[in-house]
Amino acid sequence: MLFSSVGVAIAALIGTFVSALIGATLLALTMLGAGIWRACAPKATRAAGIAVRSKWFDVAFYFACGLAVAILALTYPEALLIP
């Protein structure tokens, strides 16, 4: 839970003040990290806050959201124009 919260907060701050592309990429990495943690955690209590449904549904959901954000961030044409 702490990893996810801190990751989202840092991604939001960097996305707001530095670059939306970097912020979205960090958000995607946070989602992928939550999926990896949920897949590797031995019990749902070890993944408190990110364990919502069944283990594999959570893993698939976090991976799908992380990949979707990464694909959208990296294919948006104006995002690649970093000054």
N, C-alpha and C. Protein backbone atom coordinates (compact mmCIF):
# COMPACT_ATOMS: atom_id res chain seq x y z
N MET A 1 0.83 -1.19 0.00
CA MET A 1 0.00 0.00 0.00
C MET A 1 0.87 1.25 0.00
N LEU A 2 1.90 1.25 0.83
CA LEU A 2 2.78 2.41 0.90
C LEU A 2 3.51 2.62 -0.42
N PHE A 3 4.00 1.54 -1.01
CA PHE A 3 4.68 1.63 -2.31
C PHE A 3 3.75 2.25 -3.36
N SER A 4 2.53 1.78 -3.42
CA SER A 4 1.58 2.28 -4.42
C SER A 4 1.24 3.74 -4.17
N SER A 5 0.99 4.10 -2.94
CA SER A 5 0.62 5.48 -2.61
C SER A 5 1.76 6.45 -2.91
N VAL A 6 2.96 6.08 -2.50
CA VAL A 6 4.12 6.94 -2.76
C VAL A 6 4.40 7.02 -4.26
N GLY A 7 4.29 5.90 -4.96
CA GLY A 7 4.51 5.90 -6.40
C GLY A 7 3.53 6.79 -7.15
N VAL A 8 2.27 6.72 -6.79
CA VAL A 8 1.27 7.56 -7.43
C VAL A 8 1.49 9.03 -7.10
N ALA A 9 1.83 9.33 -5.86
CA ALA A 9 2.08 10.72 -5.46
C ALA A 9 3.29 11.30 -6.20
N ILE A 10 4.36 10.54 -6.28
CA ILE A 10 5.55 11.02 -6.99
C ILE A 10 5.26 11.18 -8.48
N ALA A 11 4.54 10.23 -9.06
CA ALA A 11 4.18 10.33 -10.48
C ALA A 11 3.32 11.55 -10.74
N ALA A 12 2.39 11.85 -9.84
CA ALA A 12 1.53 13.03 -10.01
C ALA A 12 2.34 14.32 -9.91
N LEU A 13 3.24 14.39 -8.95
CA LEU A 13 4.06 15.60 -8.79
C LEU A 13 4.98 15.80 -9.99
N ILE A 14 5.64 14.74 -10.42
CA ILE A 14 6.53 14.87 -11.58
C ILE A 14 5.74 15.16 -12.85
N GLY A 15 4.58 14.54 -12.99
CA GLY A 15 3.74 14.80 -14.14
C GLY A 15 3.23 16.22 -14.19
N THR A 16 3.01 16.81 -13.04
CA THR A 16 2.52 18.18 -12.98
C THR A 16 3.62 19.21 -13.20
N PHE A 17 4.76 19.00 -12.56
CA PHE A 17 5.79 20.03 -12.55
C PHE A 17 6.97 19.78 -13.50
N VAL A 18 7.18 18.56 -13.95
CA VAL A 18 8.34 18.28 -14.80
C VAL A 18 7.89 17.93 -16.22
N SER A 19 7.28 16.76 -16.37
CA SER A 19 6.87 16.31 -17.69
C SER A 19 5.74 15.29 -17.55
N ALA A 20 4.72 15.47 -18.36
CA ALA A 20 3.59 14.53 -18.32
C ALA A 20 4.02 13.15 -18.79
N LEU A 21 4.94 13.08 -19.73
CA LEU A 21 5.42 11.79 -20.22
C LEU A 21 6.14 11.02 -19.12
N ILE A 22 7.00 11.68 -18.40
CA ILE A 22 7.73 11.03 -17.32
C ILE A 22 6.77 10.63 -16.20
N GLY A 23 5.83 11.51 -15.87
CA GLY A 23 4.84 11.19 -14.84
C GLY A 23 3.98 9.99 -15.20
N ALA A 24 3.53 9.93 -16.44
CA ALA A 24 2.72 8.80 -16.88
C ALA A 24 3.54 7.51 -16.91
N THR A 25 4.80 7.61 -17.29
CA THR A 25 5.66 6.44 -17.28
C THR A 25 5.88 5.94 -15.87
N LEU A 26 6.09 6.84 -14.93
CA LEU A 26 6.23 6.44 -13.53
C LEU A 26 4.95 5.83 -12.98
N LEU A 27 3.82 6.36 -13.39
CA LEU A 27 2.54 5.78 -12.97
C LEU A 27 2.39 4.36 -13.53
N ALA A 28 2.78 4.16 -14.78
CA ALA A 28 2.71 2.83 -15.37
C ALA A 28 3.64 1.86 -14.64
N LEU A 29 4.84 2.33 -14.29
CA LEU A 29 5.78 1.48 -13.56
C LEU A 29 5.25 1.15 -12.16
N THR A 30 4.56 2.09 -11.54
CA THR A 30 3.96 1.83 -10.23
C THR A 30 2.89 0.76 -10.34
N MET A 31 2.06 0.84 -11.37
CA MET A 31 1.02 -0.18 -11.57
C MET A 31 1.63 -1.55 -11.85
N LEU A 32 2.67 -1.58 -12.67
CA LEU A 32 3.34 -2.86 -12.95
C LEU A 32 4.01 -3.39 -11.69
N GLY A 33 4.58 -2.51 -10.89
CA GLY A 33 5.19 -2.93 -9.63
C GLY A 33 4.15 -3.50 -8.66
N ALA A 34 2.98 -2.89 -8.62
CA ALA A 34 1.91 -3.41 -7.76
C ALA A 34 1.46 -4.78 -8.25
N GLY A 35 1.42 -4.97 -9.56
CA GLY A 35 1.06 -6.28 -10.09
C GLY A 35 2.10 -7.34 -9.75
N ILE A 36 3.37 -6.98 -9.83
CA ILE A 36 4.42 -7.92 -9.48
C ILE A 36 4.37 -8.25 -8.00
N TRP A 37 4.17 -7.22 -7.17
CA TRP A 37 4.09 -7.47 -5.73
C TRP A 37 2.89 -8.35 -5.39
N ARG A 38 1.77 -8.10 -6.04
CA ARG A 38 0.57 -8.90 -5.77
C ARG A 38 0.77 -10.35 -6.23
N ALA A 39 1.51 -10.54 -7.31
CA ALA A 39 1.77 -11.90 -7.79
C ALA A 39 2.73 -12.65 -6.87
N CYS A 40 3.68 -11.93 -6.28
CA CYS A 40 4.72 -12.58 -5.47
C CYS A 40 4.37 -12.67 -3.99
N ALA A 41 3.41 -11.89 -3.54
CA ALA A 41 3.06 -11.90 -2.12
C ALA A 41 2.44 -13.24 -1.75
N PRO A 42 2.91 -13.87 -0.68
CA PRO A 42 2.41 -15.20 -0.34
C PRO A 42 0.96 -15.21 0.13
N LYS A 43 0.52 -14.16 0.80
CA LYS A 43 -0.86 -14.09 1.29
C LYS A 43 -1.43 -12.72 0.98
N ALA A 44 -2.73 -12.61 0.98
CA ALA A 44 -3.37 -11.32 0.72
C ALA A 44 -3.03 -10.31 1.80
N THR A 45 -2.76 -10.77 3.02
CA THR A 45 -2.43 -9.83 4.09
C THR A 45 -1.06 -9.20 3.87
N ARG A 46 -0.20 -9.87 3.10
CA ARG A 46 1.12 -9.29 2.79
C ARG A 46 1.01 -8.22 1.71
N ALA A 47 -0.08 -8.19 1.00
CA ALA A 47 -0.31 -7.19 -0.04
C ALA A 47 -1.49 -6.32 0.34
N ALA A 48 -1.50 -5.88 1.58
CA ALA A 48 -2.62 -5.08 2.07
C ALA A 48 -2.77 -3.80 1.26
N GLY A 49 -3.98 -3.51 0.88
CA GLY A 49 -4.28 -2.31 0.13
C GLY A 49 -4.31 -2.52 -1.37
N ILE A 50 -3.57 -3.49 -1.88
CA ILE A 50 -3.63 -3.77 -3.31
C ILE A 50 -4.31 -5.10 -3.59
N ALA A 51 -4.64 -5.84 -2.55
CA ALA A 51 -5.38 -7.09 -2.71
C ALA A 51 -6.87 -6.78 -2.65
N VAL A 52 -7.53 -6.84 -3.79
CA VAL A 52 -8.94 -6.47 -3.85
C VAL A 52 -9.81 -7.69 -4.11
N ARG A 53 -9.46 -8.45 -5.13
CA ARG A 53 -10.25 -9.63 -5.51
C ARG A 53 -9.35 -10.84 -5.46
N SER A 54 -9.54 -11.76 -6.36
CA SER A 54 -8.67 -12.93 -6.38
C SER A 54 -7.28 -12.50 -6.84
N LYS A 55 -6.30 -13.29 -6.48
CA LYS A 55 -4.90 -12.92 -6.74
C LYS A 55 -4.64 -12.69 -8.23
N TRP A 56 -5.06 -13.61 -9.07
CA TRP A 56 -4.74 -13.50 -10.49
C TRP A 56 -5.58 -12.45 -11.20
N PHE A 57 -6.76 -12.17 -10.70
CA PHE A 57 -7.53 -11.07 -11.26
C PHE A 57 -6.85 -9.74 -10.96
N ASP A 58 -6.37 -9.59 -9.72
CA ASP A 58 -5.65 -8.37 -9.35
C ASP A 58 -4.39 -8.20 -10.20
N VAL A 59 -3.64 -9.28 -10.37
CA VAL A 59 -2.40 -9.21 -11.15
C VAL A 59 -2.72 -8.80 -12.59
N ALA A 60 -3.72 -9.43 -13.19
CA ALA A 60 -4.09 -9.10 -14.57
C ALA A 60 -4.58 -7.66 -14.67
N PHE A 61 -5.33 -7.20 -13.69
CA PHE A 61 -5.85 -5.83 -13.70
C PHE A 61 -4.71 -4.82 -13.60
N TYR A 62 -3.78 -5.03 -12.67
CA TYR A 62 -2.66 -4.10 -12.51
C TYR A 62 -1.77 -4.09 -13.75
N PHE A 63 -1.49 -5.26 -14.31
CA PHE A 63 -0.67 -5.32 -15.52
C PHE A 63 -1.38 -4.65 -16.69
N ALA A 64 -2.67 -4.89 -16.85
CA ALA A 64 -3.42 -4.29 -17.96
C ALA A 64 -3.45 -2.77 -17.83
N CYS A 65 -3.70 -2.28 -16.64
CA CYS A 65 -3.72 -0.82 -16.44
C CYS A 65 -2.34 -0.21 -16.65
N GLY A 66 -1.31 -0.86 -16.14
CA GLY A 66 0.05 -0.36 -16.32
C GLY A 66 0.46 -0.33 -17.78
N LEU A 67 0.15 -1.40 -18.51
CA LEU A 67 0.48 -1.43 -19.94
C LEU A 67 -0.34 -0.41 -20.72
N ALA A 68 -1.59 -0.24 -20.37
CA ALA A 68 -2.43 0.74 -21.07
C ALA A 68 -1.90 2.16 -20.88
N VAL A 69 -1.54 2.50 -19.65
CA VAL A 69 -1.00 3.84 -19.38
C VAL A 69 0.33 4.02 -20.11
N ALA A 70 1.19 3.00 -20.10
CA ALA A 70 2.48 3.10 -20.78
C ALA A 70 2.30 3.27 -22.29
N ILE A 71 1.41 2.50 -22.88
CA ILE A 71 1.17 2.60 -24.32
C ILE A 71 0.61 3.97 -24.68
N LEU A 72 -0.36 4.45 -23.90
CA LEU A 72 -0.92 5.77 -24.18
C LEU A 72 0.11 6.87 -24.01
N ALA A 73 0.94 6.76 -22.98
CA ALA A 73 1.95 7.80 -22.74
C ALA A 73 3.00 7.81 -23.83
N LEU A 74 3.40 6.64 -24.28
CA LEU A 74 4.50 6.58 -25.25
C LEU A 74 4.05 6.77 -26.70
N THR A 75 2.76 6.68 -26.96
CA THR A 75 2.29 6.87 -28.33
C THR A 75 1.61 8.21 -28.55
N TYR A 76 1.46 9.00 -27.52
CA TYR A 76 0.86 10.33 -27.68
C TYR A 76 1.86 11.22 -28.39
N PRO A 77 1.51 11.79 -29.53
CA PRO A 77 2.50 12.49 -30.35
C PRO A 77 3.16 13.69 -29.68
N GLU A 78 2.40 14.49 -28.97
CA GLU A 78 2.98 15.68 -28.37
C GLU A 78 3.84 15.37 -27.16
N ALA A 79 3.67 14.20 -26.57
CA ALA A 79 4.44 13.84 -25.39
C ALA A 79 5.90 13.60 -25.75
N LEU A 80 6.17 13.27 -27.00
CA LEU A 80 7.54 12.99 -27.40
C LEU A 80 8.33 14.26 -27.67
N LEU A 81 7.67 15.40 -27.69
CA LEU A 81 8.35 16.67 -27.92
C LEU A 81 8.78 17.28 -26.60
N ILE A 82 9.82 16.73 -26.02
CA ILE A 82 10.33 17.21 -24.73
C ILE A 82 11.31 18.34 -25.01
N PRO A 83 11.07 19.52 -24.45
CA PRO A 83 11.98 20.65 -24.71
C PRO A 83 13.33 20.47 -24.06
